[in-house]
Amino acid sequence: MPFKEGNQYGKTTKRGEGKITSEISERLKGLLVDILQSVKLEELSKAEKLRLIEISLRYTLPKKIIEEPIADDFKVEIVQSIDQYSDKELEDILKERCS
């Protein structure tokens, strides 16, 4: 079916946003702000802080950015302690991995 001039296909809807949905959304935003202000960040563990960042980014960044991989060769290694390495050894490891 060819394109016909003056058709209304793809036109945004004239129906407004639901009142109940917007009211609930505003109340939830207010509740979230109150909760985040009451959280004492200095009392959170590193894992809890990372989890808070992860959850927050889901709702602040566009979904497409979150789903797209940044690099195909990205590798995460868990290091128990870097105290066992000297500064020279750490520099060598970084040079090796970054080249």
Protein backbone atom coordinates (compact mmCIF):
# COMPACT_ATOMS: atom_id res chain seq x y z
CA MET A 1 0.00 0.00 0.00
CA PRO A 2 1.68 3.21 -1.11
CA PHE A 3 1.98 6.30 1.04
CA LYS A 4 -1.05 8.54 0.81
CA GLU A 5 -0.66 12.22 1.43
CA GLY A 6 -2.56 13.52 4.46
CA ASN A 7 -2.93 10.18 6.29
CA GLN A 8 -2.84 10.14 10.09
CA TYR A 9 -0.70 7.02 10.57
CA GLY A 10 2.10 7.46 13.06
CA LYS A 11 0.61 10.65 14.45
CA THR A 12 0.98 11.03 18.18
CA THR A 13 -2.13 10.31 20.16
CA LYS A 14 -4.44 13.09 21.29
CA ARG A 15 -5.22 11.22 24.47
CA GLY A 16 -3.50 12.78 27.44
CA GLU A 17 -1.50 11.05 30.14
CA GLY A 18 -3.58 9.21 32.71
CA LYS A 19 -4.17 11.24 35.87
CA ILE A 20 -3.75 8.28 38.19
CA THR A 21 -0.44 7.30 36.62
CA SER A 22 0.98 10.81 36.91
CA GLU A 23 -0.23 11.19 40.53
CA ILE A 24 1.35 7.89 41.55
CA SER A 25 4.54 8.79 39.72
CA GLU A 26 4.80 12.15 41.52
CA ARG A 27 4.17 10.55 44.92
CA LEU A 28 6.78 7.88 44.27
CA LYS A 29 9.32 10.52 43.20
CA GLY A 30 8.69 12.44 46.43
CA LEU A 31 9.01 9.27 48.50
CA LEU A 32 12.23 8.35 46.71
CA VAL A 33 13.73 11.79 47.34
CA ASP A 34 12.87 11.53 51.06
CA ILE A 35 14.41 8.07 51.32
CA LEU A 36 17.60 9.05 49.48
CA GLN A 37 18.03 12.12 51.70
CA SER A 38 17.68 9.96 54.81
CA VAL A 39 20.37 7.47 53.69
CA LYS A 40 23.69 8.07 55.38
CA LEU A 41 26.22 7.27 52.69
CA GLU A 42 29.15 7.11 55.09
CA GLU A 43 27.46 4.18 56.87
CA LEU A 44 27.06 2.11 53.70
CA SER A 45 29.56 -0.56 52.74
CA LYS A 46 31.32 -0.35 49.38
CA ALA A 47 29.07 -3.10 48.00
CA GLU A 48 25.95 -1.23 49.12
CA LYS A 49 27.20 2.00 47.56
CA LEU A 50 27.88 0.23 44.25
CA ARG A 51 24.43 -1.36 44.34
CA LEU A 52 22.85 2.05 45.00
CA ILE A 53 24.71 3.51 42.02
CA GLU A 54 23.70 0.59 39.81
CA ILE A 55 20.03 0.89 40.69
CA SER A 56 20.06 4.69 40.39
CA LEU A 57 21.66 4.60 36.95
CA ARG A 58 18.89 2.34 35.65
CA TYR A 59 16.41 5.12 36.25
CA THR A 60 18.56 8.09 35.27
CA LEU A 61 20.32 6.95 32.09
CA PRO A 62 18.46 6.21 28.87
CA LYS A 63 17.75 2.49 28.53
CA LYS A 64 19.70 2.18 25.28
CA ILE A 65 22.93 3.35 26.95
CA ILE A 66 22.58 0.75 29.71
CA GLU A 67 21.94 -2.14 27.31
CA GLU A 68 24.72 -1.39 24.81
CA PRO A 69 28.09 -2.95 25.60
CA ILE A 70 30.89 -0.40 25.71
CA ALA A 71 33.69 -2.74 24.70
CA ASP A 72 33.74 -6.34 23.55
CA ASP A 73 37.05 -7.14 25.20
CA PHE A 74 36.16 -5.82 28.63
CA LYS A 75 37.32 -8.16 31.38
CA VAL A 76 36.69 -7.94 35.12
CA GLU A 77 39.10 -9.54 37.52
CA ILE A 78 38.49 -9.75 41.24
CA VAL A 79 41.59 -8.85 43.20
CA GLN A 80 41.65 -9.82 46.84
CA SER A 81 44.46 -7.51 47.84
CA ILE A 82 46.93 -5.40 45.93
CA ASP A 83 49.15 -5.21 48.98
CA GLN A 84 50.88 -8.38 47.85
CA TYR A 85 52.28 -6.57 44.77
CA SER A 86 55.01 -3.97 44.69
CA ASP A 87 54.50 -0.69 42.85
CA LYS A 88 56.79 -1.89 40.07
CA GLU A 89 54.80 -5.12 39.64
CA LEU A 90 51.52 -3.17 39.51
CA GLU A 91 52.90 -0.80 36.87
CA ASP A 92 54.08 -3.75 34.78
CA ILE A 93 50.68 -5.44 35.02
CA LEU A 94 48.91 -2.24 33.97
CA LYS A 95 51.27 -1.68 31.03
CA GLU A 96 50.76 -5.28 29.91
CA ARG A 97 46.96 -5.09 30.12
CA CYS A 98 46.62 -1.65 28.52
CA SER A 99 48.85 -2.30 25.52
